[in-house]
Amino acid sequence: MMFGGGMILVWLIPIVGGYFLVKYLVEQNKNNPNEDKADPLTILKRRYANGEMTQQEFNERKKIIINV
């Protein structure tokens, strides 16, 4: 039976690797700014620049945002 140092490595390597993977993913999430954190006018400008709305829609929504 192999219950010595080899068996410890079989369990230790995936556990340590999983720990560092989770740590890496959490750090990546902290460093990347999320679009939801941007102010509404910036999001509106970005959507207009991407062609998601016409100029008329942009101007109407901009008036609503500014008046709020």
N, C-alpha and C. Protein backbone atom coordinates (compact mmCIF):
# COMPACT_ATOMS: atom_id res chain seq x y z
N MET A 1 0.84 -1.19 0.00
CA MET A 1 0.00 0.00 0.00
C MET A 1 0.88 1.25 0.00
N MET A 2 0.38 2.27 -0.69
CA MET A 2 1.15 3.50 -0.80
C MET A 2 0.45 4.60 -0.01
N PHE A 3 0.71 4.65 1.29
CA PHE A 3 0.12 5.69 2.13
C PHE A 3 1.19 6.63 2.67
N GLY A 4 2.35 6.61 2.09
CA GLY A 4 3.45 7.43 2.56
C GLY A 4 3.45 8.81 1.93
N GLY A 5 4.66 9.29 1.61
CA GLY A 5 4.83 10.62 1.06
C GLY A 5 4.18 10.80 -0.30
N GLY A 6 4.11 9.73 -1.09
CA GLY A 6 3.49 9.82 -2.41
C GLY A 6 2.01 10.12 -2.33
N MET A 7 1.32 9.51 -1.37
CA MET A 7 -0.12 9.73 -1.22
C MET A 7 -0.40 11.15 -0.75
N ILE A 8 0.48 11.69 0.07
CA ILE A 8 0.32 13.08 0.54
C ILE A 8 0.42 14.03 -0.65
N LEU A 9 1.37 13.79 -1.55
CA LEU A 9 1.51 14.65 -2.72
C LEU A 9 0.30 14.56 -3.64
N VAL A 10 -0.30 13.39 -3.74
CA VAL A 10 -1.47 13.22 -4.59
C VAL A 10 -2.59 14.15 -4.12
N TRP A 11 -2.73 14.36 -2.84
CA TRP A 11 -3.77 15.24 -2.31
C TRP A 11 -3.30 16.68 -2.15
N LEU A 12 -2.04 16.87 -1.81
CA LEU A 12 -1.54 18.20 -1.53
C LEU A 12 -1.42 19.07 -2.78
N ILE A 13 -0.97 18.51 -3.87
CA ILE A 13 -0.78 19.30 -5.10
C ILE A 13 -2.11 19.88 -5.61
N PRO A 14 -3.18 19.12 -5.75
CA PRO A 14 -4.44 19.74 -6.21
C PRO A 14 -5.02 20.75 -5.22
N ILE A 15 -4.86 20.52 -3.93
CA ILE A 15 -5.39 21.46 -2.94
C ILE A 15 -4.63 22.79 -3.01
N VAL A 16 -3.32 22.73 -3.04
CA VAL A 16 -2.51 23.95 -3.12
C VAL A 16 -2.75 24.65 -4.46
N GLY A 17 -2.83 23.88 -5.53
CA GLY A 17 -3.11 24.46 -6.85
C GLY A 17 -4.48 25.14 -6.88
N GLY A 18 -5.48 24.52 -6.28
CA GLY A 18 -6.81 25.12 -6.22
C GLY A 18 -6.81 26.41 -5.42
N TYR A 19 -6.07 26.44 -4.34
CA TYR A 19 -5.96 27.64 -3.52
C TYR A 19 -5.41 28.81 -4.33
N PHE A 20 -4.30 28.55 -5.05
CA PHE A 20 -3.69 29.62 -5.83
C PHE A 20 -4.56 30.03 -7.02
N LEU A 21 -5.31 29.10 -7.59
CA LEU A 21 -6.22 29.43 -8.67
C LEU A 21 -7.33 30.36 -8.19
N VAL A 22 -7.92 30.04 -7.04
CA VAL A 22 -8.97 30.89 -6.48
C VAL A 22 -8.41 32.26 -6.12
N LYS A 23 -7.24 32.29 -5.53
CA LYS A 23 -6.60 33.56 -5.17
C LYS A 23 -6.35 34.40 -6.41
N TYR A 24 -5.87 33.80 -7.48
CA TYR A 24 -5.61 34.52 -8.73
C TYR A 24 -6.91 35.08 -9.30
N LEU A 25 -7.96 34.28 -9.32
CA LEU A 25 -9.23 34.74 -9.89
C LEU A 25 -9.84 35.88 -9.07
N VAL A 26 -9.71 35.83 -7.76
CA VAL A 26 -10.22 36.91 -6.91
C VAL A 26 -9.45 38.19 -7.17
N GLU A 27 -8.15 38.11 -7.30
CA GLU A 27 -7.33 39.29 -7.57
C GLU A 27 -7.66 39.89 -8.93
N GLN A 28 -7.89 39.05 -9.93
CA GLN A 28 -8.25 39.54 -11.26
C GLN A 28 -9.57 40.29 -11.21
N ASN A 29 -10.50 39.79 -10.42
CA ASN A 29 -11.81 40.43 -10.30
C ASN A 29 -11.69 41.79 -9.62
N LYS A 30 -10.79 41.92 -8.67
CA LYS A 30 -10.60 43.20 -7.98
C LYS A 30 -9.94 44.23 -8.89
N ASN A 31 -9.05 43.80 -9.76
CA ASN A 31 -8.28 44.72 -10.59
C ASN A 31 -9.03 45.19 -11.83
N ASN A 32 -10.03 44.45 -12.27
CA ASN A 32 -10.76 44.83 -13.47
C ASN A 32 -11.97 45.67 -13.10
N PRO A 33 -12.00 46.94 -13.53
CA PRO A 33 -13.17 47.76 -13.23
C PRO A 33 -14.38 47.22 -13.96
N ASN A 34 -15.47 47.19 -13.28
CA ASN A 34 -16.71 46.67 -13.84
C ASN A 34 -17.50 47.81 -14.46
N GLU A 35 -18.16 47.55 -15.56
CA GLU A 35 -18.93 48.59 -16.24
C GLU A 35 -20.04 49.11 -15.33
N ASP A 36 -20.55 48.29 -14.44
CA ASP A 36 -21.63 48.71 -13.54
C ASP A 36 -21.18 49.81 -12.60
N LYS A 37 -19.89 49.94 -12.34
CA LYS A 37 -19.39 50.94 -11.42
C LYS A 37 -19.25 52.31 -12.09
N ALA A 38 -19.37 52.37 -13.42
CA ALA A 38 -19.24 53.65 -14.14
C ALA A 38 -20.51 54.46 -13.94
N ASP A 39 -20.37 55.77 -14.06
CA ASP A 39 -21.55 56.61 -13.91
C ASP A 39 -22.45 56.44 -15.13
N PRO A 40 -23.73 56.74 -14.99
CA PRO A 40 -24.70 56.49 -16.07
C PRO A 40 -24.38 57.21 -17.37
N LEU A 41 -23.87 58.44 -17.29
CA LEU A 41 -23.56 59.18 -18.50
C LEU A 41 -22.43 58.51 -19.29
N THR A 42 -21.44 57.99 -18.59
CA THR A 42 -20.34 57.29 -19.26
C THR A 42 -20.85 56.03 -19.95
N ILE A 43 -21.72 55.30 -19.28
CA ILE A 43 -22.30 54.10 -19.88
C ILE A 43 -23.12 54.48 -21.11
N LEU A 44 -23.89 55.55 -21.01
CA LEU A 44 -24.70 56.01 -22.13
C LEU A 44 -23.81 56.39 -23.33
N LYS A 45 -22.73 57.11 -23.07
CA LYS A 45 -21.80 57.50 -24.14
C LYS A 45 -21.17 56.26 -24.79
N ARG A 46 -20.82 55.29 -23.97
CA ARG A 46 -20.21 54.06 -24.49
C ARG A 46 -21.20 53.30 -25.38
N ARG A 47 -22.45 53.23 -24.94
CA ARG A 47 -23.46 52.53 -25.73
C ARG A 47 -23.73 53.26 -27.04
N TYR A 48 -23.73 54.59 -27.01
CA TYR A 48 -23.92 55.36 -28.24
C TYR A 48 -22.74 55.15 -29.19
N ALA A 49 -21.53 55.15 -28.64
CA ALA A 49 -20.34 54.95 -29.46
C ALA A 49 -20.32 53.55 -30.09
N ASN A 50 -20.89 52.58 -29.40
CA ASN A 50 -20.94 51.21 -29.93
C ASN A 50 -22.06 51.03 -30.95
N GLY A 51 -22.87 52.07 -31.16
CA GLY A 51 -23.95 51.99 -32.14
C GLY A 51 -25.19 51.29 -31.63
N GLU A 52 -25.35 51.23 -30.32
CA GLU A 52 -26.52 50.56 -29.74
C GLU A 52 -27.76 51.44 -29.74
N MET A 53 -27.60 52.74 -30.07
CA MET A 53 -28.74 53.65 -30.10
C MET A 53 -28.47 54.76 -31.10
N THR A 54 -29.55 55.39 -31.51
CA THR A 54 -29.43 56.51 -32.45
C THR A 54 -29.08 57.77 -31.68
N GLN A 55 -28.77 58.85 -32.43
CA GLN A 55 -28.45 60.12 -31.80
C GLN A 55 -29.66 60.68 -31.06
N GLN A 56 -30.83 60.49 -31.62
CA GLN A 56 -32.05 60.98 -30.97
C GLN A 56 -32.27 60.26 -29.64
N GLU A 57 -32.10 58.94 -29.62
CA GLU A 57 -32.24 58.19 -28.37
C GLU A 57 -31.19 58.64 -27.35
N PHE A 58 -29.98 58.84 -27.83
CA PHE A 58 -28.90 59.29 -26.95
C PHE A 58 -29.26 60.62 -26.29
N ASN A 59 -29.72 61.58 -27.11
CA ASN A 59 -30.05 62.90 -26.57
C ASN A 59 -31.21 62.85 -25.58
N GLU A 60 -32.22 62.02 -25.87
CA GLU A 60 -33.36 61.89 -24.95
C GLU A 60 -32.93 61.30 -23.61
N ARG A 61 -32.14 60.27 -23.68
CA ARG A 61 -31.69 59.62 -22.44
C ARG A 61 -30.73 60.51 -21.67
N LYS A 62 -29.92 61.26 -22.40
CA LYS A 62 -28.98 62.18 -21.75
C LYS A 62 -29.72 63.24 -20.97
N LYS A 63 -30.81 63.78 -21.54
CA LYS A 63 -31.63 64.77 -20.83
C LYS A 63 -32.20 64.19 -19.55
N ILE A 64 -32.66 62.96 -19.62
CA ILE A 64 -33.23 62.30 -18.44
C ILE A 64 -32.17 62.14 -17.36
N ILE A 65 -30.97 61.70 -17.76
CA ILE A 65 -29.90 61.47 -16.78
C ILE A 65 -29.46 62.79 -16.13
N ILE A 66 -29.32 63.83 -16.93
CA ILE A 66 -28.84 65.11 -16.41
C ILE A 66 -29.86 65.74 -15.48
N ASN A 67 -31.15 65.56 -15.76
CA ASN A 67 -32.21 66.15 -14.94
C ASN A 67 -32.49 65.38 -13.67
N VAL A 68 -31.92 64.24 -13.50
CA VAL A 68 -32.20 63.44 -12.29
C VAL A 68 -31.44 63.93 -11.12
